[in-house]
Amino acid sequence: MAYNEDSSASGHDEPWIQWFCGLKGHEMFCEVERSYIEDGFNLYGLRACVSNFSDCLDLILDRIGPDDSDDSHLTQSACTLYGLIHARYIITAHGLDAMYNKVSSWIFRSSLFHLSMSDFPPALPLLLFCILLRFPH
């Protein structure tokens, strides 16, 4: 979920989630439904994981524009928050369906998925999961 100044959202008219999922290296992300993100139950416990939680959520949901948030720290935090939300979303029925559609259409162009064993980014290392071998690496 790397963010850098070259991939800044400023100047783009597309929604933040589309912009984020369209970044190079973010092929494994699907677009999380807005209604899922707006449901506070799905966000339980994430406030403690990300600084400026409310501002990050507003940025993700396009309540504030990228021009209103020139702070690269806020954008980085929003990227982290979206990753945490995405991790929860893809284990729901809608999320599994979205990921299945992504894999079956070979958008990934690879048989490897990123696999995290924790909700919290620095807690455990990121693993790769091979679809063909059905084995984490």
C-alpha atoms as a PDB file:
ATOM      1  CA  MET A   1       0.000   0.000   0.000  1.00  0.00           C
ATOM      2  CA  ALA A   2       2.762   2.349  -0.808  1.00  0.00           C
ATOM      3  CA  TYR A   3       1.943   5.956  -1.447  1.00  0.00           C
ATOM      4  CA  ASN A   4       4.293   8.466  -2.982  1.00  0.00           C
ATOM      5  CA  GLU A   5       4.042  11.974  -4.300  1.00  0.00           C
ATOM      6  CA  ASP A   6       4.022  10.759  -7.927  1.00  0.00           C
ATOM      7  CA  SER A   7       0.809   8.834  -7.298  1.00  0.00           C
ATOM      8  CA  SER A   8      -0.943  11.770  -5.650  1.00  0.00           C
ATOM      9  CA  ALA A   9      -4.705  11.946  -6.098  1.00  0.00           C
ATOM     10  CA  SER A  10      -4.736  15.678  -6.740  1.00  0.00           C
ATOM     11  CA  GLY A  11      -5.980  16.656 -10.157  1.00  0.00           C
ATOM     12  CA  HIS A  12      -8.043  13.492 -10.643  1.00  0.00           C
ATOM     13  CA  ASP A  13     -11.821  13.564 -11.003  1.00  0.00           C
ATOM     14  CA  GLU A  14     -12.317   9.887 -10.199  1.00  0.00           C
ATOM     15  CA  PRO A  15     -13.498   8.742  -6.771  1.00  0.00           C
ATOM     16  CA  TRP A  16     -10.771   8.079  -4.214  1.00  0.00           C
ATOM     17  CA  ILE A  17     -11.448   4.328  -4.049  1.00  0.00           C
ATOM     18  CA  GLN A  18     -11.145   3.974  -7.835  1.00  0.00           C
ATOM     19  CA  TRP A  19      -7.945   6.014  -7.770  1.00  0.00           C
ATOM     20  CA  PHE A  20      -6.484   3.892  -4.971  1.00  0.00           C
ATOM     21  CA  CYS A  21      -7.411   0.554  -6.557  1.00  0.00           C
ATOM     22  CA  GLY A  22      -6.040   1.741  -9.898  1.00  0.00           C
ATOM     23  CA  LEU A  23      -2.554   2.504  -8.578  1.00  0.00           C
ATOM     24  CA  LYS A  24       0.280   0.303  -9.789  1.00  0.00           C
ATOM     25  CA  GLY A  25       0.794  -2.501  -7.311  1.00  0.00           C
ATOM     26  CA  HIS A  26      -2.773  -2.352  -6.020  1.00  0.00           C
ATOM     27  CA  GLU A  27      -4.146  -4.957  -8.403  1.00  0.00           C
ATOM     28  CA  MET A  28      -5.063  -7.199  -5.464  1.00  0.00           C
ATOM     29  CA  PHE A  29      -7.530  -4.630  -4.097  1.00  0.00           C
ATOM     30  CA  CYS A  30     -11.180  -4.677  -5.086  1.00  0.00           C
ATOM     31  CA  GLU A  31     -13.484  -1.705  -4.660  1.00  0.00           C
ATOM     32  CA  VAL A  32     -15.201  -1.938  -1.282  1.00  0.00           C
ATOM     33  CA  GLU A  33     -18.877  -1.002  -1.410  1.00  0.00           C
ATOM     34  CA  ARG A  34     -19.596   2.443  -0.017  1.00  0.00           C
ATOM     35  CA  SER A  35     -22.409   1.092   2.176  1.00  0.00           C
ATOM     36  CA  TYR A  36     -19.952  -1.326   3.812  1.00  0.00           C
ATOM     37  CA  ILE A  37     -17.546   1.512   4.628  1.00  0.00           C
ATOM     38  CA  GLU A  38     -20.326   3.739   5.962  1.00  0.00           C
ATOM     39  CA  ASP A  39     -21.555   1.052   8.388  1.00  0.00           C
ATOM     40  CA  GLY A  40     -19.869   1.804  11.710  1.00  0.00           C
ATOM     41  CA  PHE A  41     -20.054  -1.851  12.787  1.00  0.00           C
ATOM     42  CA  ASN A  42     -17.592  -2.786  10.025  1.00  0.00           C
ATOM     43  CA  LEU A  43     -15.128  -0.164  11.247  1.00  0.00           C
ATOM     44  CA  TYR A  44     -15.139  -1.228  14.888  1.00  0.00           C
ATOM     45  CA  GLY A  45     -11.641  -1.024  16.401  1.00  0.00           C
ATOM     46  CA  LEU A  46     -10.022   0.655  13.393  1.00  0.00           C
ATOM     47  CA  ARG A  47     -10.085   4.136  14.937  1.00  0.00           C
ATOM     48  CA  ALA A  48      -7.192   3.105  17.194  1.00  0.00           C
ATOM     49  CA  CYS A  49      -5.139   1.827  14.234  1.00  0.00           C
ATOM     50  CA  VAL A  50      -5.075   4.992  12.120  1.00  0.00           C
ATOM     51  CA  SER A  51      -4.330   8.578  13.058  1.00  0.00           C
ATOM     52  CA  ASN A  52      -6.897  11.144  11.838  1.00  0.00           C
ATOM     53  CA  PHE A  53      -9.480   8.369  11.432  1.00  0.00           C
ATOM     54  CA  SER A  54     -12.413  10.693  10.664  1.00  0.00           C
ATOM     55  CA  ASP A  55     -10.469  12.720   8.099  1.00  0.00           C
ATOM     56  CA  CYS A  56      -9.196   9.537   6.448  1.00  0.00           C
ATOM     57  CA  LEU A  57     -12.726   8.158   6.248  1.00  0.00           C
ATOM     58  CA  ASP A  58     -13.951  11.435   4.746  1.00  0.00           C
ATOM     59  CA  LEU A  59     -11.191  11.254   2.131  1.00  0.00           C
ATOM     60  CA  ILE A  60     -11.979   7.624   1.238  1.00  0.00           C
ATOM     61  CA  LEU A  61     -15.699   8.408   0.929  1.00  0.00           C
ATOM     62  CA  ASP A  62     -15.023  11.579  -1.116  1.00  0.00           C
ATOM     63  CA  ARG A  63     -16.577  13.839   1.508  1.00  0.00           C
ATOM     64  CA  ILE A  64     -13.433  15.929   1.172  1.00  0.00           C
ATOM     65  CA  GLY A  65     -11.536  16.165  -2.075  1.00  0.00           C
ATOM     66  CA  PRO A  66      -7.891  15.293  -2.595  1.00  0.00           C
ATOM     67  CA  ASP A  67      -7.166  19.007  -3.012  1.00  0.00           C
ATOM     68  CA  ASP A  68      -8.581  19.613   0.470  1.00  0.00           C
ATOM     69  CA  SER A  69      -6.126  17.059   1.866  1.00  0.00           C
ATOM     70  CA  ASP A  70      -2.715  18.055   0.538  1.00  0.00           C
ATOM     71  CA  ASP A  71      -1.194  16.400   3.575  1.00  0.00           C
ATOM     72  CA  SER A  72       0.656  13.286   2.364  1.00  0.00           C
ATOM     73  CA  HIS A  73       0.457  11.847   5.901  1.00  0.00           C
ATOM     74  CA  LEU A  74      -3.352  11.993   5.697  1.00  0.00           C
ATOM     75  CA  THR A  75      -3.310  10.242   2.322  1.00  0.00           C
ATOM     76  CA  GLN A  76      -0.919   7.572   3.645  1.00  0.00           C
ATOM     77  CA  SER A  77      -3.177   7.032   6.655  1.00  0.00           C
ATOM     78  CA  ALA A  78      -6.208   6.791   4.356  1.00  0.00           C
ATOM     79  CA  CYS A  79      -4.379   4.142   2.306  1.00  0.00           C
ATOM     80  CA  THR A  80      -3.689   2.169   5.494  1.00  0.00           C
ATOM     81  CA  LEU A  81      -7.313   2.521   6.622  1.00  0.00           C
ATOM     82  CA  TYR A  82      -8.618   1.367   3.245  1.00  0.00           C
ATOM     83  CA  GLY A  83      -6.321  -1.664   3.433  1.00  0.00           C
ATOM     84  CA  LEU A  84      -7.709  -2.574   6.856  1.00  0.00           C
ATOM     85  CA  ILE A  85     -11.302  -2.105   5.661  1.00  0.00           C
ATOM     86  CA  HIS A  86     -10.528  -4.149   2.542  1.00  0.00           C
ATOM     87  CA  ALA A  87      -9.118  -7.006   4.660  1.00  0.00           C
ATOM     88  CA  ARG A  88     -12.426  -7.216   6.522  1.00  0.00           C
ATOM     89  CA  TYR A  89     -14.559  -6.744   3.418  1.00  0.00           C
ATOM     90  CA  ILE A  90     -13.068  -9.598   1.409  1.00  0.00           C
ATOM     91  CA  ILE A  91     -14.171 -12.164   3.985  1.00  0.00           C
ATOM     92  CA  THR A  92     -17.838 -11.158   3.581  1.00  0.00           C
ATOM     93  CA  ALA A  93     -20.097 -12.731   0.956  1.00  0.00           C
ATOM     94  CA  HIS A  94     -19.947  -9.601  -1.242  1.00  0.00           C
ATOM     95  CA  GLY A  95     -16.194  -9.289  -0.796  1.00  0.00           C
ATOM     96  CA  LEU A  96     -15.547 -12.942  -1.616  1.00  0.00           C
ATOM     97  CA  ASP A  97     -17.670 -12.545  -4.737  1.00  0.00           C
ATOM     98  CA  ALA A  98     -15.744  -9.422  -5.777  1.00  0.00           C
ATOM     99  CA  MET A  99     -12.405 -11.171  -5.275  1.00  0.00           C
ATOM    100  CA  TYR A 100     -13.618 -14.280  -7.090  1.00  0.00           C
ATOM    101  CA  ASN A 101     -14.665 -12.153 -10.074  1.00  0.00           C
ATOM    102  CA  LYS A 102     -11.295 -10.430 -10.026  1.00  0.00           C
ATOM    103  CA  VAL A 103      -9.397 -13.719  -9.970  1.00  0.00           C
ATOM    104  CA  SER A 104     -11.582 -15.484 -12.510  1.00  0.00           C
ATOM    105  CA  SER A 105     -11.126 -12.661 -14.994  1.00  0.00           C
ATOM    106  CA  TRP A 106      -7.341 -12.821 -14.428  1.00  0.00           C
ATOM    107  CA  ILE A 107      -7.021  -9.143 -13.640  1.00  0.00           C
ATOM    108  CA  PHE A 108      -4.165 -10.166 -11.357  1.00  0.00           C
ATOM    109  CA  ARG A 109      -2.268 -11.880 -14.199  1.00  0.00           C
ATOM    110  CA  SER A 110      -0.694 -13.971 -11.480  1.00  0.00           C
ATOM    111  CA  SER A 111      -1.549 -16.852  -9.218  1.00  0.00           C
ATOM    112  CA  LEU A 112      -0.266 -15.120  -6.066  1.00  0.00           C
ATOM    113  CA  PHE A 113      -2.312 -13.222  -3.481  1.00  0.00           C
ATOM    114  CA  HIS A 114      -1.105 -11.141  -0.564  1.00  0.00           C
ATOM    115  CA  LEU A 115      -2.164 -12.745   2.706  1.00  0.00           C
ATOM    116  CA  SER A 116      -2.056 -11.115   6.115  1.00  0.00           C
ATOM    117  CA  MET A 117      -2.532 -13.019   9.339  1.00  0.00           C
ATOM    118  CA  SER A 118      -3.458  -9.927  11.346  1.00  0.00           C
ATOM    119  CA  ASP A 119      -5.782  -6.926  11.262  1.00  0.00           C
ATOM    120  CA  PHE A 120      -2.920  -4.659  12.317  1.00  0.00           C
ATOM    121  CA  PRO A 121      -0.319  -3.764   9.649  1.00  0.00           C
ATOM    122  CA  PRO A 122       2.953  -4.090  11.578  1.00  0.00           C
ATOM    123  CA  ALA A 123       1.886  -7.113  13.650  1.00  0.00           C
ATOM    124  CA  LEU A 124       2.829  -9.992  11.352  1.00  0.00           C
ATOM    125  CA  PRO A 125       4.654 -10.215   8.022  1.00  0.00           C
ATOM    126  CA  LEU A 126       2.694 -10.288   4.780  1.00  0.00           C
ATOM    127  CA  LEU A 127       2.655 -13.696   3.097  1.00  0.00           C
ATOM    128  CA  LEU A 128       1.983 -14.690  -0.488  1.00  0.00           C
ATOM    129  CA  PHE A 129      -0.684 -17.318  -1.144  1.00  0.00           C
ATOM    130  CA  CYS A 130      -0.459 -19.379  -4.336  1.00  0.00           C
ATOM    131  CA  ILE A 131      -3.870 -20.259  -5.796  1.00  0.00           C
ATOM    132  CA  LEU A 132      -2.499 -23.106  -7.858  1.00  0.00           C
ATOM    133  CA  LEU A 133      -0.617 -24.799  -5.020  1.00  0.00           C
ATOM    134  CA  ARG A 134      -3.050 -23.625  -2.320  1.00  0.00           C
ATOM    135  CA  PHE A 135      -0.125 -22.893  -0.085  1.00  0.00           C
ATOM    136  CA  PRO A 136       1.124 -19.724   1.670  1.00  0.00           C
ATOM    137  CA  HIS A 137       4.749 -18.685   1.092  1.00  0.00           C
END
